[in-house]
Amino acid sequence: MRLPNEIIGQRPQGIGSDFLRAYLSSVCVAKELQRKGLGHALISKSKTVAEKWGIIHLYVHVALDNEPAKRLYLKSGFVHESDEPFADAKFLGRPRRILLWFGLPNPHNL
């Protein structure tokens, strides 16, 4: 299901641009392994793989109240792009999310 106000990456625009955009999904670290650099290593590897695949825009959704995850992504260079509307989150029965973005080198000059 896709809602009209679903927060999705807006970069880049135009025909075929979806091939230059990727999302990190369900990134998590077991409680007993947190605060040991594993989350940062996962994100770093994701950036490396995305760049090899020609991806130039990397996105991740984070629950608005998940402060440790927000800190990790922001420390890894992601920036805030948008907030999920309250009504959408309520309708879907989940916590509100924010969308974070990271720009990779652009060999395509787009």
N, C-alpha and C. Protein backbone atom coordinates (compact mmCIF):
# COMPACT_ATOMS: atom_id res chain seq x y z
N MET A 1 0.84 -1.17 0.00
CA MET A 1 0.00 0.00 0.00
C MET A 1 0.89 1.24 0.00
N ARG A 2 0.54 2.20 -0.82
CA ARG A 2 1.26 3.47 -0.86
C ARG A 2 0.27 4.58 -0.64
N LEU A 3 0.53 5.41 0.36
CA LEU A 3 -0.33 6.54 0.64
C LEU A 3 0.09 7.74 -0.20
N PRO A 4 -0.84 8.64 -0.50
CA PRO A 4 -0.48 9.81 -1.31
C PRO A 4 0.63 10.65 -0.69
N ASN A 5 0.72 10.69 0.63
CA ASN A 5 1.74 11.51 1.31
C ASN A 5 2.92 10.69 1.80
N GLU A 6 3.06 9.45 1.32
CA GLU A 6 4.17 8.60 1.76
C GLU A 6 5.48 9.34 1.57
N ILE A 7 6.34 9.30 2.59
CA ILE A 7 7.61 10.00 2.45
C ILE A 7 8.59 9.09 1.73
N ILE A 8 8.97 9.53 0.56
CA ILE A 8 9.93 8.80 -0.27
C ILE A 8 10.99 9.78 -0.73
N GLY A 9 12.12 9.25 -1.13
CA GLY A 9 13.20 10.10 -1.61
C GLY A 9 12.79 10.90 -2.84
N GLN A 10 13.18 12.15 -2.88
CA GLN A 10 12.83 13.02 -3.99
C GLN A 10 14.01 13.33 -4.90
N ARG A 11 15.16 12.73 -4.62
CA ARG A 11 16.34 12.99 -5.44
C ARG A 11 16.73 11.71 -6.15
N PRO A 12 17.20 11.74 -7.32
CA PRO A 12 17.05 12.79 -8.32
C PRO A 12 15.66 12.74 -8.91
N GLN A 13 15.33 13.66 -9.76
CA GLN A 13 14.02 13.73 -10.43
C GLN A 13 14.20 13.27 -11.89
N GLY A 14 13.12 12.88 -12.51
CA GLY A 14 13.15 12.60 -13.94
C GLY A 14 13.06 11.12 -14.29
N ILE A 15 12.95 10.87 -15.56
CA ILE A 15 12.82 9.51 -16.08
C ILE A 15 14.07 8.70 -15.77
N GLY A 16 13.88 7.52 -15.23
CA GLY A 16 15.00 6.62 -14.92
C GLY A 16 15.72 6.94 -13.63
N SER A 17 15.29 7.98 -12.95
CA SER A 17 16.02 8.40 -11.75
C SER A 17 15.91 7.39 -10.61
N ASP A 18 14.88 6.55 -10.63
CA ASP A 18 14.73 5.55 -9.57
C ASP A 18 15.92 4.59 -9.52
N PHE A 19 16.61 4.43 -10.63
CA PHE A 19 17.76 3.53 -10.67
C PHE A 19 18.97 4.10 -9.94
N LEU A 20 18.92 5.38 -9.59
CA LEU A 20 20.04 6.04 -8.92
C LEU A 20 19.79 6.21 -7.43
N ARG A 21 18.65 5.68 -6.96
CA ARG A 21 18.22 5.88 -5.58
C ARG A 21 18.06 4.51 -4.91
N ALA A 22 18.54 4.40 -3.67
CA ALA A 22 18.38 3.15 -2.92
C ALA A 22 17.99 3.46 -1.48
N TYR A 23 17.36 2.48 -0.85
CA TYR A 23 16.93 2.61 0.54
C TYR A 23 17.60 1.54 1.40
N LEU A 24 18.06 1.95 2.56
CA LEU A 24 18.48 0.98 3.57
C LEU A 24 17.21 0.57 4.30
N SER A 25 17.05 -0.71 4.54
CA SER A 25 15.82 -1.19 5.15
C SER A 25 16.12 -2.19 6.26
N SER A 26 15.42 -2.04 7.36
CA SER A 26 15.51 -2.98 8.49
C SER A 26 16.94 -3.18 8.98
N VAL A 27 17.68 -2.11 9.08
CA VAL A 27 19.03 -2.19 9.63
C VAL A 27 18.90 -2.22 11.15
N CYS A 28 19.42 -3.28 11.75
CA CYS A 28 19.36 -3.37 13.21
C CYS A 28 20.55 -4.18 13.72
N VAL A 29 20.88 -3.91 14.96
CA VAL A 29 21.99 -4.58 15.62
C VAL A 29 21.45 -5.16 16.93
N ALA A 30 21.78 -6.42 17.20
CA ALA A 30 21.33 -7.07 18.43
C ALA A 30 21.75 -6.24 19.65
N LYS A 31 20.88 -6.19 20.63
CA LYS A 31 21.10 -5.37 21.82
C LYS A 31 22.49 -5.59 22.42
N GLU A 32 22.91 -6.84 22.53
CA GLU A 32 24.20 -7.14 23.17
C GLU A 32 25.40 -6.72 22.32
N LEU A 33 25.17 -6.39 21.05
CA LEU A 33 26.26 -5.97 20.17
C LEU A 33 26.26 -4.46 19.88
N GLN A 34 25.27 -3.76 20.44
CA GLN A 34 25.19 -2.32 20.21
C GLN A 34 26.34 -1.60 20.90
N ARG A 35 26.67 -0.42 20.36
CA ARG A 35 27.72 0.46 20.90
C ARG A 35 29.12 -0.14 20.72
N LYS A 36 29.28 -0.98 19.69
CA LYS A 36 30.58 -1.58 19.40
C LYS A 36 31.06 -1.26 17.98
N GLY A 37 30.36 -0.35 17.30
CA GLY A 37 30.77 0.05 15.96
C GLY A 37 30.16 -0.76 14.83
N LEU A 38 29.35 -1.77 15.16
CA LEU A 38 28.78 -2.62 14.13
C LEU A 38 27.78 -1.87 13.25
N GLY A 39 26.94 -1.04 13.86
CA GLY A 39 25.97 -0.26 13.08
C GLY A 39 26.68 0.66 12.10
N HIS A 40 27.71 1.33 12.57
CA HIS A 40 28.48 2.22 11.70
C HIS A 40 29.13 1.41 10.56
N ALA A 41 29.64 0.23 10.88
CA ALA A 41 30.27 -0.62 9.86
C ALA A 41 29.24 -1.06 8.80
N LEU A 42 28.03 -1.39 9.23
CA LEU A 42 26.97 -1.78 8.29
C LEU A 42 26.63 -0.64 7.35
N ILE A 43 26.50 0.56 7.90
CA ILE A 43 26.17 1.73 7.09
C ILE A 43 27.31 2.04 6.13
N SER A 44 28.52 1.98 6.62
CA SER A 44 29.69 2.25 5.79
C SER A 44 29.76 1.27 4.62
N LYS A 45 29.55 0.00 4.89
CA LYS A 45 29.57 -1.02 3.83
C LYS A 45 28.43 -0.78 2.84
N SER A 46 27.29 -0.38 3.34
CA SER A 46 26.15 -0.09 2.47
C SER A 46 26.47 1.05 1.51
N LYS A 47 27.14 2.07 2.01
CA LYS A 47 27.55 3.19 1.16
C LYS A 47 28.52 2.72 0.07
N THR A 48 29.46 1.87 0.46
CA THR A 48 30.46 1.36 -0.49
C THR A 48 29.79 0.54 -1.59
N VAL A 49 28.89 -0.35 -1.22
CA VAL A 49 28.19 -1.19 -2.19
C VAL A 49 27.31 -0.32 -3.09
N ALA A 50 26.58 0.63 -2.50
CA ALA A 50 25.72 1.51 -3.29
C ALA A 50 26.53 2.29 -4.32
N GLU A 51 27.68 2.79 -3.91
CA GLU A 51 28.52 3.55 -4.83
C GLU A 51 29.01 2.66 -5.98
N LYS A 52 29.40 1.43 -5.66
CA LYS A 52 29.83 0.49 -6.71
C LYS A 52 28.71 0.20 -7.71
N TRP A 53 27.48 0.21 -7.24
CA TRP A 53 26.33 -0.06 -8.10
C TRP A 53 25.87 1.18 -8.86
N GLY A 54 26.51 2.32 -8.64
CA GLY A 54 26.14 3.55 -9.33
C GLY A 54 25.02 4.34 -8.67
N ILE A 55 24.68 3.96 -7.45
CA ILE A 55 23.67 4.68 -6.68
C ILE A 55 24.26 6.02 -6.24
N ILE A 56 23.48 7.09 -6.34
CA ILE A 56 23.98 8.39 -5.89
C ILE A 56 23.16 9.01 -4.76
N HIS A 57 22.01 8.39 -4.45
CA HIS A 57 21.16 8.88 -3.37
C HIS A 57 20.75 7.70 -2.50
N LEU A 58 21.12 7.74 -1.24
CA LEU A 58 20.84 6.67 -0.30
C LEU A 58 19.88 7.21 0.76
N TYR A 59 18.81 6.46 1.03
CA TYR A 59 17.78 6.88 1.97
C TYR A 59 17.57 5.84 3.06
N VAL A 60 17.04 6.30 4.18
CA VAL A 60 16.63 5.41 5.26
C VAL A 60 15.49 6.06 6.04
N HIS A 61 14.49 5.25 6.40
CA HIS A 61 13.43 5.70 7.29
C HIS A 61 13.83 5.34 8.72
N VAL A 62 13.58 6.23 9.65
CA VAL A 62 13.88 5.99 11.06
C VAL A 62 12.67 6.43 11.88
N ALA A 63 12.27 5.60 12.84
CA ALA A 63 11.18 5.99 13.73
C ALA A 63 11.54 7.28 14.44
N LEU A 64 10.60 8.20 14.50
CA LEU A 64 10.83 9.51 15.07
C LEU A 64 11.37 9.44 16.50
N ASP A 65 10.94 8.43 17.25
CA ASP A 65 11.37 8.32 18.65
C ASP A 65 12.60 7.43 18.84
N ASN A 66 13.23 6.98 17.76
CA ASN A 66 14.41 6.11 17.86
C ASN A 66 15.68 6.97 17.86
N GLU A 67 15.96 7.57 19.01
CA GLU A 67 17.10 8.50 19.12
C GLU A 67 18.45 7.84 18.81
N PRO A 68 18.72 6.62 19.30
CA PRO A 68 20.01 6.00 18.97
C PRO A 68 20.22 5.83 17.46
N ALA A 69 19.18 5.40 16.75
CA ALA A 69 19.31 5.21 15.30
C ALA A 69 19.49 6.56 14.60
N LYS A 70 18.73 7.56 15.02
CA LYS A 70 18.88 8.89 14.41
C LYS A 70 20.30 9.41 14.61
N ARG A 71 20.83 9.26 15.81
CA ARG A 71 22.21 9.71 16.08
C ARG A 71 23.21 8.97 15.19
N LEU A 72 23.03 7.66 15.06
CA LEU A 72 23.94 6.86 14.23
C LEU A 72 23.93 7.34 12.78
N TYR A 73 22.75 7.50 12.21
CA TYR A 73 22.67 7.92 10.81
C TYR A 73 23.18 9.34 10.61
N LEU A 74 22.83 10.24 11.51
CA LEU A 74 23.30 11.62 11.38
C LEU A 74 24.82 11.68 11.52
N LYS A 75 25.36 10.90 12.45
CA LYS A 75 26.82 10.84 12.62
C LYS A 75 27.49 10.24 11.38
N SER A 76 26.75 9.41 10.65
CA SER A 76 27.27 8.78 9.43
C SER A 76 27.09 9.65 8.19
N GLY A 77 26.62 10.87 8.39
CA GLY A 77 26.52 11.81 7.28
C GLY A 77 25.15 11.98 6.66
N PHE A 78 24.16 11.23 7.11
CA PHE A 78 22.80 11.40 6.59
C PHE A 78 22.23 12.72 7.09
N VAL A 79 21.34 13.31 6.31
CA VAL A 79 20.67 14.55 6.70
C VAL A 79 19.15 14.35 6.60
N HIS A 80 18.43 15.12 7.40
CA HIS A 80 16.98 15.05 7.43
C HIS A 80 16.41 15.57 6.11
N GLU A 81 15.49 14.80 5.52
CA GLU A 81 14.82 15.26 4.31
C GLU A 81 13.35 15.57 4.55
N SER A 82 12.63 14.68 5.25
CA SER A 82 11.21 14.95 5.48
C SER A 82 10.66 14.12 6.63
N ASP A 83 9.46 14.52 7.08
CA ASP A 83 8.76 13.83 8.16
C ASP A 83 7.51 13.15 7.61
N GLU A 84 7.21 11.99 8.17
CA GLU A 84 5.98 11.31 7.79
C GLU A 84 4.80 12.03 8.44
N PRO A 85 3.74 12.29 7.69
CA PRO A 85 2.57 12.93 8.30
C PRO A 85 1.98 12.05 9.41
N PHE A 86 1.55 12.68 10.48
CA PHE A 86 1.00 11.97 11.63
C PHE A 86 -0.17 11.07 11.21
N ALA A 87 -1.05 11.59 10.36
CA ALA A 87 -2.23 10.82 9.94
C ALA A 87 -1.84 9.54 9.20
N ASP A 88 -0.80 9.59 8.39
CA ASP A 88 -0.36 8.39 7.66
C ASP A 88 0.14 7.32 8.62
N ALA A 89 0.96 7.73 9.57
CA ALA A 89 1.49 6.78 10.55
C ALA A 89 0.35 6.17 11.37
N LYS A 90 -0.58 7.01 11.78
CA LYS A 90 -1.71 6.51 12.58
C LYS A 90 -2.54 5.53 11.76
N PHE A 91 -2.82 5.87 10.51
CA PHE A 91 -3.60 5.00 9.64
C PHE A 91 -2.94 3.64 9.48
N LEU A 92 -1.61 3.62 9.37
CA LEU A 92 -0.87 2.37 9.19
C LEU A 92 -0.52 1.69 10.51
N GLY A 93 -0.86 2.33 11.63
CA GLY A 93 -0.63 1.72 12.94
C GLY A 93 0.84 1.57 13.30
N ARG A 94 1.65 2.55 12.95
CA ARG A 94 3.07 2.48 13.25
C ARG A 94 3.54 3.82 13.80
N PRO A 95 4.71 3.83 14.42
CA PRO A 95 5.26 5.12 14.89
C PRO A 95 5.58 6.01 13.70
N ARG A 96 5.51 7.31 13.92
CA ARG A 96 5.92 8.25 12.86
C ARG A 96 7.37 8.05 12.52
N ARG A 97 7.71 8.29 11.25
CA ARG A 97 9.08 8.12 10.79
C ARG A 97 9.59 9.43 10.17
N ILE A 98 10.90 9.51 10.11
CA ILE A 98 11.53 10.57 9.35
C ILE A 98 12.31 9.91 8.22
N LEU A 99 12.57 10.68 7.19
CA LEU A 99 13.36 10.19 6.06
C LEU A 99 14.68 10.92 6.07
N LEU A 100 15.77 10.14 6.07
CA LEU A 100 17.12 10.71 6.05
C LEU A 100 17.76 10.38 4.70
N TRP A 101 18.64 11.27 4.23
CA TRP A 101 19.27 11.15 2.92
C TRP A 101 20.78 11.29 3.03
N PHE A 102 21.48 10.54 2.18
CA PHE A 102 22.93 10.67 2.06
C PHE A 102 23.28 10.70 0.58
N GLY A 103 24.05 11.68 0.16
CA GLY A 103 24.46 11.79 -1.23
C GLY A 103 25.82 11.15 -1.45
N LEU A 104 25.91 10.31 -2.46
CA LEU A 104 27.15 9.66 -2.85
C LEU A 104 27.74 10.38 -4.07
N PRO A 105 29.01 10.14 -4.38
CA PRO A 105 29.60 10.76 -5.56
C PRO A 105 28.76 10.48 -6.80
N ASN A 106 28.69 11.46 -7.68
CA ASN A 106 27.81 11.38 -8.84
C ASN A 106 28.63 11.30 -10.14
N PRO A 107 28.94 10.11 -10.60
CA PRO A 107 29.69 9.98 -11.85
C PRO A 107 28.82 10.28 -13.08
N HIS A 108 27.48 10.37 -12.87
CA HIS A 108 26.54 10.58 -13.97
C HIS A 108 26.31 12.06 -14.26
N ASN A 109 26.79 12.94 -13.39
CA ASN A 109 26.55 14.39 -13.50
C ASN A 109 25.07 14.72 -13.56
N LEU A 110 24.26 14.06 -12.70
CA LEU A 110 22.82 14.32 -12.65
C LEU A 110 22.52 15.21 -11.45
